[in-house]
């Protein structure tokens, strides 16, 4: 992690500890995630369990 990223996180932590609101930048306020991707796996293929499956 870069030092400037660490410094930004420290600033956020201090603001949160001081009880101040963490407000996103104006450009992020109206951000919306796109729709989830469609399932690209062909039907009928057996998926083997992996370490990511719980």
N, C-alpha and C. Protein backbone atom coordinates (compact mmCIF):
# COMPACT_ATOMS: atom_id res chain seq x y z
N UNK A 1 0.86 -1.17 0.00
CA UNK A 1 0.00 0.00 0.00
C UNK A 1 0.90 1.23 0.00
N UNK A 2 0.53 2.19 -0.83
CA UNK A 2 1.34 3.39 -0.93
C UNK A 2 1.19 4.26 0.32
N UNK A 3 2.20 5.06 0.57
CA UNK A 3 2.19 5.93 1.75
C UNK A 3 1.04 6.94 1.67
N UNK A 4 0.76 7.45 0.47
CA UNK A 4 -0.34 8.44 0.36
C UNK A 4 -1.70 7.78 0.64
N UNK A 5 -1.85 6.49 0.30
CA UNK A 5 -3.08 5.77 0.64
C UNK A 5 -3.21 5.61 2.15
N UNK A 6 -2.10 5.28 2.79
CA UNK A 6 -2.10 5.13 4.25
C UNK A 6 -2.46 6.45 4.91
N UNK A 7 -1.89 7.54 4.40
CA UNK A 7 -2.19 8.86 4.97
C UNK A 7 -3.67 9.20 4.83
N UNK A 8 -4.27 8.86 3.67
CA UNK A 8 -5.69 9.13 3.47
C UNK A 8 -6.54 8.31 4.44
N UNK A 9 -6.18 7.07 4.65
CA UNK A 9 -6.92 6.24 5.60
C UNK A 9 -6.81 6.77 7.02
N UNK A 10 -5.65 7.27 7.38
CA UNK A 10 -5.45 7.84 8.72
C UNK A 10 -6.34 9.06 8.90
N UNK A 11 -6.45 9.89 7.86
CA UNK A 11 -7.32 11.07 7.94
C UNK A 11 -8.76 10.64 8.13
N UNK A 12 -9.22 9.63 7.38
CA UNK A 12 -10.59 9.14 7.54
C UNK A 12 -10.82 8.59 8.93
N UNK A 13 -9.84 7.84 9.44
CA UNK A 13 -9.98 7.27 10.78
C UNK A 13 -10.08 8.36 11.83
N UNK A 14 -9.26 9.38 11.72
CA UNK A 14 -9.31 10.48 12.69
C UNK A 14 -10.64 11.22 12.62
N UNK A 15 -11.17 11.42 11.41
CA UNK A 15 -12.46 12.08 11.27
C UNK A 15 -13.56 11.23 11.92
N UNK A 16 -13.52 9.93 11.68
CA UNK A 16 -14.53 9.04 12.25
C UNK A 16 -14.43 9.02 13.77
N UNK A 17 -13.22 9.01 14.29
CA UNK A 17 -13.04 9.00 15.74
C UNK A 17 -13.48 10.32 16.36
N UNK A 18 -13.39 11.40 15.59
CA UNK A 18 -13.80 12.71 16.09
C UNK A 18 -15.32 12.90 15.97
N UNK A 19 -16.01 11.92 15.37
CA UNK A 19 -17.46 12.02 15.25
C UNK A 19 -17.92 12.76 14.02
N UNK A 20 -17.01 13.04 13.10
CA UNK A 20 -17.39 13.75 11.88
C UNK A 20 -17.89 12.76 10.84
N UNK A 21 -18.78 13.23 10.00
CA UNK A 21 -19.32 12.39 8.94
C UNK A 21 -18.29 12.21 7.84
N UNK A 22 -18.26 11.01 7.27
CA UNK A 22 -17.40 10.74 6.13
C UNK A 22 -18.26 10.88 4.88
N UNK A 23 -18.13 11.99 4.18
CA UNK A 23 -18.95 12.29 3.03
C UNK A 23 -18.16 11.99 1.76
N UNK A 24 -18.75 11.22 0.83
CA UNK A 24 -18.03 10.91 -0.40
C UNK A 24 -17.85 12.15 -1.26
N UNK A 25 -16.88 12.09 -2.14
CA UNK A 25 -16.68 13.19 -3.06
C UNK A 25 -17.92 13.35 -3.94
N UNK A 26 -18.13 14.55 -4.42
CA UNK A 26 -19.33 14.85 -5.21
C UNK A 26 -19.47 13.91 -6.41
N UNK A 27 -18.36 13.54 -7.04
CA UNK A 27 -18.45 12.69 -8.23
C UNK A 27 -18.95 11.29 -7.90
N UNK A 28 -18.86 10.85 -6.66
CA UNK A 28 -19.30 9.51 -6.27
C UNK A 28 -20.74 9.47 -5.77
N UNK A 29 -21.35 10.60 -5.52
CA UNK A 29 -22.66 10.62 -4.88
C UNK A 29 -23.76 9.99 -5.73
N UNK A 30 -23.69 10.14 -7.05
CA UNK A 30 -24.73 9.61 -7.92
C UNK A 30 -24.30 8.31 -8.60
N UNK A 31 -23.22 7.70 -8.16
CA UNK A 31 -22.72 6.49 -8.80
C UNK A 31 -23.68 5.33 -8.56
N UNK A 32 -23.95 4.60 -9.62
CA UNK A 32 -24.77 3.40 -9.53
C UNK A 32 -24.02 2.26 -10.21
N UNK A 33 -23.98 1.10 -9.56
CA UNK A 33 -23.36 -0.06 -10.18
C UNK A 33 -24.24 -0.53 -11.33
N UNK A 34 -23.61 -1.08 -12.36
CA UNK A 34 -24.33 -1.63 -13.49
C UNK A 34 -25.04 -2.91 -13.09
N UNK A 35 -25.88 -3.42 -13.96
CA UNK A 35 -26.57 -4.67 -13.63
C UNK A 35 -25.56 -5.81 -13.52
N UNK A 36 -25.87 -6.82 -12.73
CA UNK A 36 -24.94 -7.94 -12.60
C UNK A 36 -24.79 -8.65 -13.94
N UNK A 37 -23.61 -9.22 -14.20
CA UNK A 37 -23.41 -9.91 -15.48
C UNK A 37 -24.29 -11.15 -15.57
N UNK A 38 -24.66 -11.47 -16.78
CA UNK A 38 -25.47 -12.66 -16.97
C UNK A 38 -24.60 -13.90 -16.79
N UNK A 39 -25.21 -14.99 -16.38
CA UNK A 39 -24.49 -16.23 -16.17
C UNK A 39 -23.97 -16.73 -17.51
N UNK A 40 -22.66 -16.86 -17.64
CA UNK A 40 -22.06 -17.23 -18.92
C UNK A 40 -21.77 -18.72 -19.02
N UNK A 41 -22.08 -19.50 -17.97
CA UNK A 41 -21.81 -20.93 -18.02
C UNK A 41 -22.89 -21.63 -18.84
N UNK A 42 -22.48 -22.48 -19.77
CA UNK A 42 -23.48 -23.24 -20.54
C UNK A 42 -24.25 -24.19 -19.62
N UNK A 43 -25.48 -24.42 -19.95
CA UNK A 43 -26.31 -25.31 -19.15
C UNK A 43 -25.83 -26.75 -19.32
N UNK A 44 -25.92 -27.53 -18.27
CA UNK A 44 -25.58 -28.93 -18.34
C UNK A 44 -24.17 -29.27 -17.93
N UNK A 45 -23.30 -28.31 -17.76
CA UNK A 45 -21.94 -28.60 -17.32
C UNK A 45 -21.92 -28.69 -15.80
N UNK A 46 -21.29 -29.72 -15.31
CA UNK A 46 -21.20 -29.88 -13.86
C UNK A 46 -20.08 -29.01 -13.33
N UNK A 47 -20.38 -28.24 -12.30
CA UNK A 47 -19.37 -27.39 -11.70
C UNK A 47 -18.83 -28.10 -10.46
N UNK A 48 -17.52 -28.27 -10.43
CA UNK A 48 -16.90 -28.94 -9.31
C UNK A 48 -16.72 -27.97 -8.16
N UNK A 49 -16.89 -28.44 -6.92
CA UNK A 49 -16.72 -27.55 -5.78
C UNK A 49 -15.27 -27.07 -5.65
N UNK A 50 -15.11 -25.87 -5.25
CA UNK A 50 -13.78 -25.30 -5.03
C UNK A 50 -13.69 -24.76 -3.61
N UNK A 51 -12.53 -24.24 -3.27
CA UNK A 51 -12.35 -23.68 -1.94
C UNK A 51 -13.19 -22.42 -1.76
N UNK A 52 -13.67 -21.83 -2.84
CA UNK A 52 -14.51 -20.63 -2.74
C UNK A 52 -15.95 -20.97 -2.42
N UNK A 53 -16.34 -22.23 -2.63
CA UNK A 53 -17.71 -22.66 -2.32
C UNK A 53 -17.80 -22.97 -0.84
N UNK A 54 -18.82 -22.42 -0.20
CA UNK A 54 -18.97 -22.65 1.25
C UNK A 54 -20.15 -23.49 1.49
